N, C-alpha and C. Protein backbone atom coordinates (compact mmCIF):
# COMPACT_ATOMS: atom_id res chain seq x y z
N MET A 1 48.60 210.14 87.78
CA MET A 1 47.32 209.63 86.99
C MET A 1 47.73 209.11 85.57
N LYS A 2 47.76 207.57 85.33
CA LYS A 2 47.94 206.80 83.79
C LYS A 2 46.93 206.93 82.98
N ILE A 3 47.12 207.80 81.63
CA ILE A 3 45.97 207.40 80.75
C ILE A 3 46.63 205.99 79.86
N ASP A 4 45.35 205.22 79.67
CA ASP A 4 45.40 204.03 78.99
C ASP A 4 44.75 204.10 78.06
N LYS A 5 45.30 203.90 76.67
CA LYS A 5 44.88 204.34 75.25
C LYS A 5 43.65 202.98 75.42
N VAL A 6 43.83 201.93 75.74
CA VAL A 6 42.55 201.00 75.58
C VAL A 6 41.27 201.49 76.32
N SER A 7 41.60 201.65 77.39
CA SER A 7 40.38 201.71 78.74
C SER A 7 39.56 203.00 78.34
N GLY A 8 38.50 202.78 77.91
CA GLY A 8 37.58 204.44 77.91
C GLY A 8 37.77 205.11 76.28
N ALA A 9 38.49 204.28 75.31
CA ALA A 9 38.89 205.01 74.06
C ALA A 9 37.65 204.36 72.93
N HIS A 10 37.03 203.25 73.54
CA HIS A 10 35.94 202.62 72.69
C HIS A 10 34.72 203.67 72.59
N VAL A 11 34.69 203.99 70.84
CA VAL A 11 33.17 204.72 70.82
C VAL A 11 32.26 203.65 70.28
N PRO A 12 31.30 203.55 70.80
CA PRO A 12 29.99 202.72 69.67
C PRO A 12 29.76 203.16 68.80
N GLN A 13 29.55 202.23 67.55
CA GLN A 13 29.64 202.68 66.28
C GLN A 13 28.20 202.59 65.84
N SER A 14 27.22 201.98 66.52
CA SER A 14 25.68 201.77 66.52
C SER A 14 24.96 203.21 66.30
N THR A 15 25.35 204.30 66.71
CA THR A 15 24.43 205.29 66.17
C THR A 15 24.79 205.72 64.84
N LEU A 16 26.37 205.65 64.56
CA LEU A 16 26.42 205.90 63.01
C LEU A 16 26.20 204.95 62.18
N GLN A 17 25.78 203.45 62.26
CA GLN A 17 25.25 202.59 61.44
C GLN A 17 23.89 202.67 61.30
N ASN A 18 23.57 202.89 62.41
CA ASN A 18 21.64 202.85 62.40
C ASN A 18 21.33 204.20 61.93
N ALA A 19 22.14 205.27 61.90
CA ALA A 19 21.66 206.40 61.26
C ALA A 19 21.18 206.57 59.69
N LYS A 20 19.86 207.50 59.86
CA LYS A 20 19.01 207.18 58.52
C LYS A 20 19.81 208.07 57.27
N LYS A 21 19.65 207.94 56.09
CA LYS A 21 20.22 208.36 55.06
C LYS A 21 19.18 209.26 54.56
N PRO A 22 19.85 210.77 53.86
CA PRO A 22 18.67 211.40 53.27
C PRO A 22 17.81 210.65 51.98
N ALA A 23 16.40 210.74 52.15
CA ALA A 23 15.79 210.32 50.63
C ALA A 23 16.45 210.68 49.36
N GLU A 24 17.14 211.64 49.07
CA GLU A 24 17.67 212.10 47.94
C GLU A 24 18.91 211.26 47.86
N LEU A 25 19.71 211.01 48.55
CA LEU A 25 20.86 210.16 48.58
C LEU A 25 20.33 208.68 48.03
N SER A 26 19.88 208.37 48.91
CA SER A 26 19.40 206.56 48.90
C SER A 26 18.88 206.18 47.64
N GLN A 27 18.19 207.15 46.91
CA GLN A 27 17.43 206.71 45.42
C GLN A 27 18.21 207.80 44.55
N PRO A 28 18.75 206.91 43.62
CA PRO A 28 19.68 207.81 42.45
C PRO A 28 18.48 208.29 41.53
N THR A 29 18.47 209.67 40.80
CA THR A 29 17.72 209.65 39.69
C THR A 29 18.05 209.06 38.55
N LYS A 30 16.90 208.51 37.72
CA LYS A 30 17.52 207.59 36.85
C LYS A 30 17.06 208.62 35.50
N ILE A 31 17.80 208.35 34.34
CA ILE A 31 17.73 209.45 33.24
C ILE A 31 17.42 208.55 31.84
N SER A 32 16.09 208.61 31.20
CA SER A 32 15.98 207.78 30.32
C SER A 32 17.24 207.73 29.41
N GLU A 33 17.14 206.34 28.66
CA GLU A 33 18.39 206.37 27.56
C GLU A 33 18.17 207.15 26.56
N PRO A 34 17.10 207.40 25.80
CA PRO A 34 17.10 208.52 24.78
C PRO A 34 17.48 210.02 25.20
N ALA A 35 17.21 210.59 26.57
CA ALA A 35 17.55 211.69 27.29
C ALA A 35 18.98 211.81 27.13
N MET A 36 19.80 210.66 27.76
CA MET A 36 21.11 210.23 27.85
C MET A 36 22.02 210.48 26.50
N ASN A 37 21.55 209.64 25.52
CA ASN A 37 22.16 209.92 24.04
C ASN A 37 22.01 211.11 23.59
N ALA A 38 20.89 211.83 23.71
CA ALA A 38 20.91 213.13 23.18
C ALA A 38 21.89 214.26 24.16
N ASN A 39 22.00 214.17 25.25
CA ASN A 39 23.13 214.78 25.96
C ASN A 39 24.55 214.33 25.67
N THR A 40 24.81 213.08 25.22
CA THR A 40 25.83 213.01 24.81
C THR A 40 26.01 213.48 23.62
N ALA A 41 25.31 213.23 22.80
CA ALA A 41 25.44 213.87 21.50
C ALA A 41 26.00 215.46 21.44
N ALA A 42 25.09 216.13 22.10
CA ALA A 42 25.33 217.50 22.42
C ALA A 42 26.57 217.69 22.99
N LEU A 43 26.93 217.28 23.67
CA LEU A 43 28.54 217.23 24.58
C LEU A 43 29.50 217.03 23.25
N GLU A 44 29.36 215.93 22.81
CA GLU A 44 30.13 215.54 21.44
C GLU A 44 30.33 216.66 20.71
N LYS A 45 29.56 217.31 20.10
CA LYS A 45 29.45 218.23 19.13
C LYS A 45 29.95 219.40 20.01
N ALA A 46 29.60 219.95 20.94
CA ALA A 46 30.38 221.11 21.49
C ALA A 46 31.72 220.82 21.91
N GLN A 47 32.14 219.60 22.38
CA GLN A 47 33.86 219.23 22.16
C GLN A 47 34.30 219.47 20.80
N SER A 48 33.85 218.97 19.76
CA SER A 48 34.51 218.91 18.80
C SER A 48 34.44 220.41 18.04
N ASP A 49 33.31 221.02 18.31
CA ASP A 49 33.19 222.71 18.19
C ASP A 49 34.58 223.24 18.82
N MET A 50 34.45 223.14 20.22
CA MET A 50 35.57 224.13 20.83
C MET A 50 37.13 223.31 20.27
N ALA A 51 37.15 222.09 20.03
CA ALA A 51 38.40 221.78 19.87
C ALA A 51 39.19 222.21 18.64
N SER A 52 38.06 223.10 17.65
CA SER A 52 38.46 223.69 16.24
C SER A 52 38.94 224.98 16.71
N LEU A 53 38.62 225.92 17.81
CA LEU A 53 38.84 227.04 18.22
C LEU A 53 40.09 227.13 18.72
N PRO A 54 40.60 228.31 18.53
CA PRO A 54 42.43 228.60 19.05
C PRO A 54 41.97 229.07 20.36
N ASP A 55 43.41 228.30 21.05
CA ASP A 55 43.55 228.61 22.57
C ASP A 55 43.40 230.26 22.80
N ILE A 56 44.08 230.97 22.24
CA ILE A 56 43.92 232.32 22.28
C ILE A 56 43.96 232.93 21.12
N ASP A 57 42.93 233.73 21.10
CA ASP A 57 42.45 235.10 20.05
C ASP A 57 43.73 235.75 19.80
N MET A 58 44.35 235.81 19.08
CA MET A 58 45.35 236.59 18.86
C MET A 58 45.12 237.99 18.53
N GLU A 59 44.19 238.06 17.50
CA GLU A 59 43.73 239.25 16.65
C GLU A 59 43.52 240.03 17.94
N LYS A 60 42.72 239.51 19.11
CA LYS A 60 41.69 240.09 20.16
C LYS A 60 43.00 240.90 20.74
N VAL A 61 43.93 239.79 21.43
CA VAL A 61 45.33 240.39 22.25
C VAL A 61 45.69 241.40 21.65
N ALA A 62 46.17 241.77 19.93
CA ALA A 62 46.69 242.57 19.46
C ALA A 62 45.69 243.81 19.45
N GLN A 63 44.66 243.80 19.44
CA GLN A 63 43.72 245.00 19.31
C GLN A 63 43.77 245.60 20.97
N VAL A 64 43.94 244.86 21.86
CA VAL A 64 43.63 245.13 23.67
C VAL A 64 45.19 245.62 23.67
N ARG A 65 45.97 245.33 23.34
CA ARG A 65 47.61 245.77 23.50
C ARG A 65 47.76 246.84 22.78
N ALA A 66 47.19 247.35 21.82
CA ALA A 66 47.15 248.66 20.80
C ALA A 66 46.41 249.76 21.60
N ALA A 67 45.43 249.47 22.24
CA ALA A 67 44.05 250.28 23.23
C ALA A 67 45.18 250.75 24.13
N LEU A 68 45.62 250.02 24.56
CA LEU A 68 46.49 250.01 25.76
C LEU A 68 47.30 251.18 25.78
N ALA A 69 48.27 250.99 24.47
CA ALA A 69 49.43 251.27 23.90
C ALA A 69 48.84 253.20 23.42
N ARG A 70 48.01 253.18 22.82
CA ARG A 70 47.03 254.38 22.59
C ARG A 70 46.71 255.33 23.99
N GLY A 71 46.41 254.27 25.10
CA GLY A 71 45.87 255.22 26.30
C GLY A 71 44.21 255.04 26.17
N GLU A 72 43.86 254.21 25.38
CA GLU A 72 42.26 254.06 25.37
C GLU A 72 41.59 253.37 26.51
N LEU A 73 42.66 252.39 27.07
CA LEU A 73 42.15 251.70 28.13
C LEU A 73 42.99 251.89 29.64
N ASP A 74 42.30 252.15 30.29
CA ASP A 74 42.80 252.08 31.87
C ASP A 74 42.87 251.02 32.31
N LEU A 75 44.02 250.59 32.69
CA LEU A 75 44.35 249.43 33.61
C LEU A 75 44.13 249.36 34.99
N ASP A 76 43.28 248.90 35.80
CA ASP A 76 43.42 249.21 37.45
C ASP A 76 43.66 248.05 38.05
N SER A 77 45.02 247.92 38.24
CA SER A 77 45.91 247.14 39.24
C SER A 77 45.30 246.33 39.85
N LYS A 78 44.87 247.14 40.79
CA LYS A 78 44.21 246.84 42.25
C LYS A 78 43.19 245.58 42.05
N ALA A 79 42.14 246.18 40.84
CA ALA A 79 41.12 245.43 40.53
C ALA A 79 41.75 243.99 39.88
N LEU A 80 42.75 243.83 39.11
CA LEU A 80 43.29 242.98 38.46
C LEU A 80 44.04 241.90 39.37
N SER A 81 44.63 242.52 40.50
CA SER A 81 45.07 241.72 41.60
C SER A 81 44.33 241.05 42.05
N GLN A 82 43.29 241.63 42.70
CA GLN A 82 42.05 240.89 43.42
C GLN A 82 41.29 239.98 42.59
N ALA A 83 41.42 240.36 41.19
CA ALA A 83 40.76 239.54 40.44
C ALA A 83 41.51 238.08 40.36
N MET A 84 42.79 238.30 40.30
CA MET A 84 44.01 237.03 40.24
C MET A 84 43.70 236.19 41.65
N MET A 85 43.95 236.98 42.89
CA MET A 85 43.82 236.26 43.84
C MET A 85 42.29 235.73 44.17
N GLN A 86 41.29 236.15 43.96
CA GLN A 86 40.41 235.43 43.84
C GLN A 86 40.05 233.96 43.16
N PHE A 87 40.82 234.26 41.70
CA PHE A 87 40.75 233.09 41.07
C PHE A 87 41.64 232.11 41.42
N HIS A 88 42.64 232.35 42.11
CA HIS A 88 43.67 231.28 42.21
C HIS A 88 43.68 230.76 43.68
N THR A 89 43.12 231.49 44.28
CA THR A 89 42.65 231.08 45.72
C THR A 89 41.44 230.67 46.19
N GLY A 90 40.18 231.28 45.52
CA GLY A 90 39.15 231.02 45.84
C GLY A 90 38.50 231.89 46.49
N HIS A 91 39.52 232.86 47.32
CA HIS A 91 38.93 233.69 47.92
C HIS A 91 39.63 235.23 47.73
N GLU A 92 39.34 236.42 48.50
CA GLU A 92 40.36 237.66 48.29
C GLU A 92 41.47 237.71 49.32
């Protein structure tokens, strides 16, 4: 039996073209201009505040290192490895 790629391979598109869109997707939500400006201003302020912060709080890092050295903190390596895997892969 010979399989011909042309014959029988046509799938009618009419069912896809006539499909109705959900109501929430067809009509975008409009945001008023003053609300948008307020949101933009708040975001810009938050971004500038965050830009002034250091990327790493070295004082906190030093405190945690000292607590680990003194034996005040226990490190659960299994929990840490699971958290790292979940963060980097999206699942355990």
